Amino acid sequence: MDLKPNPQANSDADQPIAWRAVPEDIAVRSDGQQVGRVYDVLGSHEEDIFHGIVVQLRSGSRRVFVPADDVILITASHVDVSLSAAEIGALPEHTEERQFELGMVGHLRKHLGWVKEEDR
C-alpha cells in the first residue's frame, strides 16, 4: 500500500501558533466539530500570560469563556478545545470586565488616580 503524504494535513494553517497570533473569527472545535468562533483572546501581553478565549457559540446567542487549560491547540485556521460541545454549551455567559491601573490623571495629568486599561 502506497501512503502518500496529505499536503493539506501539513499545511501552514494547521501548524501551532502563539496565542498572541490568533486570527479573529476563526473556528473553535471540540472533537473535530465546530462549536463556535473565536470572539476574543484574553491574556496579558506584558507578562505573556494566556488566560483563555471567548467563544461566540454557533447558535450566535451567547459568548462563553474557555480557560487556557482547556485549549489544546491553536492554529491559523482553528482552535481545538478539550471540552465537549455539551460542556461548552453549559458554560456561563461571558461578561466583559473593565480593568484599571493606577496612573496620572487630572488637568495636565498631575494627580494620581485610576485609569482604564485601554486609556493607557
Protein backbone atom coordinates (compact mmCIF):
# COMPACT_ATOMS: atom_id res chain seq x y z
CA MET A 1 0.00 0.00 0.00
CA ASP A 2 1.46 3.33 -1.08
CA LEU A 3 0.79 6.02 1.53
CA LYS A 4 1.13 9.48 0.09
CA PRO A 5 1.55 12.42 2.41
CA ASN A 6 -1.51 14.57 2.74
CA PRO A 7 -0.36 18.10 1.83
CA GLN A 8 -3.48 19.56 3.43
CA ALA A 9 -2.73 17.94 6.81
CA ASN A 10 0.72 19.51 6.93
CA SER A 11 -0.24 22.96 5.66
CA ASP A 12 0.88 26.11 7.43
CA ALA A 13 -2.71 26.67 8.58
CA ASP A 14 -2.50 23.51 10.71
CA GLN A 15 0.79 24.37 12.42
CA PRO A 16 0.61 25.54 16.07
CA ILE A 17 0.87 29.28 16.61
CA ALA A 18 1.27 31.52 19.66
CA TRP A 19 -1.81 32.76 21.48
CA ARG A 20 -0.94 36.34 20.53
CA ALA A 21 -1.21 35.44 16.81
CA VAL A 22 -4.76 34.04 16.88
CA PRO A 23 -6.65 35.46 13.88
CA GLU A 24 -10.05 37.00 14.53
CA ASP A 25 -13.17 34.92 13.99
CA ILE A 26 -11.54 31.51 13.41
CA ALA A 27 -13.33 28.24 14.17
CA VAL A 28 -13.35 26.73 17.65
CA ARG A 29 -13.58 22.94 17.56
CA SER A 30 -14.47 20.23 20.03
CA ASP A 31 -13.83 16.62 18.98
CA GLY A 32 -13.24 17.88 15.43
CA GLN A 33 -16.66 19.57 15.20
CA GLN A 34 -17.06 23.34 15.08
CA VAL A 35 -18.81 24.66 18.21
CA GLY A 36 -18.28 28.37 17.60
CA ARG A 37 -15.83 31.08 16.58
CA VAL A 38 -13.16 33.00 18.47
CA TYR A 39 -14.63 36.31 19.61
CA ASP A 40 -11.72 37.44 21.78
CA VAL A 41 -8.41 36.22 23.19
CA LEU A 42 -7.69 37.12 26.81
CA GLY A 43 -4.21 37.43 28.24
CA SER A 44 -1.54 39.75 29.49
CA HIS A 45 0.77 40.90 26.71
CA GLU A 46 3.17 42.50 29.20
CA GLU A 47 3.58 39.28 31.19
CA ASP A 48 2.98 36.89 28.23
CA ILE A 49 0.24 35.04 30.09
CA PHE A 50 -2.61 33.44 28.11
CA HIS A 51 -5.87 33.32 30.09
CA GLY A 52 -8.20 31.78 27.51
CA ILE A 53 -10.61 32.55 24.69
CA VAL A 54 -14.09 33.98 24.43
CA VAL A 55 -16.16 31.83 22.06
CA GLN A 56 -19.20 33.03 20.13
CA LEU A 57 -21.32 29.88 20.10
CA ARG A 58 -22.57 28.53 16.76
CA SER A 59 -26.12 29.42 17.68
CA GLY A 60 -24.93 33.02 17.91
CA SER A 61 -26.93 33.51 21.06
CA ARG A 62 -24.15 33.62 23.63
CA ARG A 63 -20.47 34.11 24.26
CA VAL A 64 -18.64 31.89 26.75
CA PHE A 65 -15.14 31.90 28.21
CA VAL A 66 -12.93 28.82 27.74
CA PRO A 67 -9.91 28.87 30.10
CA ALA A 68 -6.40 28.38 28.72
CA ASP A 69 -6.12 24.99 30.46
CA ASP A 70 -8.91 23.71 28.18
CA VAL A 71 -7.32 24.99 24.94
CA ILE A 72 -5.47 22.10 23.32
CA LEU A 73 -4.20 23.59 20.05
CA ILE A 74 -4.13 26.99 18.39
CA THR A 75 -3.50 27.19 14.64
CA ALA A 76 -4.09 29.84 11.99
CA SER A 77 -7.27 28.04 10.89
CA HIS A 78 -8.84 26.79 14.14
CA VAL A 79 -8.61 26.41 17.90
CA ASP A 80 -9.18 22.97 19.44
CA VAL A 81 -10.54 22.69 22.98
CA SER A 82 -10.76 19.73 25.36
CA LEU A 83 -14.33 20.46 26.44
CA SER A 84 -17.20 18.62 24.75
CA ALA A 85 -19.85 20.56 22.86
CA ALA A 86 -22.26 19.96 25.74
CA GLU A 87 -19.74 21.26 28.29
CA ILE A 88 -19.12 24.39 26.23
CA GLY A 89 -22.86 24.95 25.88
CA ALA A 90 -23.24 24.66 29.66
CA LEU A 91 -20.63 27.35 30.42
CA PRO A 92 -21.99 30.61 31.85
CA GLU A 93 -22.28 33.61 29.59
CA HIS A 94 -19.09 35.67 29.43
CA THR A 95 -19.31 39.23 30.71
CA GLU A 96 -16.59 41.75 29.92
CA GLU A 97 -14.65 43.13 32.84
CA ARG A 98 -13.00 46.51 32.78
CA GLN A 99 -9.54 46.77 34.24
CA PHE A 100 -7.96 49.82 35.77
CA GLU A 101 -4.45 50.74 36.81
CA LEU A 102 -3.02 53.48 38.94
CA GLY A 103 -1.80 56.35 36.77
CA MET A 104 -1.62 60.08 36.36
CA VAL A 105 -4.98 61.86 35.88
CA GLY A 106 -6.47 65.31 36.17
CA HIS A 107 -5.79 68.56 34.43
CA LEU A 108 -2.45 68.11 32.65
CA ARG A 109 -2.17 64.69 34.35
CA LYS A 110 -0.59 65.85 37.57
CA HIS A 111 -2.66 63.82 40.07
CA LEU A 112 -2.55 60.12 40.88
CA GLY A 113 -5.79 58.21 40.08
CA TRP A 114 -7.35 55.19 38.37
CA VAL A 115 -7.06 54.97 34.57
CA LYS A 116 -8.89 52.46 32.33
CA GLU A 117 -6.50 49.92 30.87
CA GLU A 118 -7.45 50.91 27.30
CA ASP A 119 -6.70 54.57 28.04
CA ARG A 120 -3.01 53.98 28.83
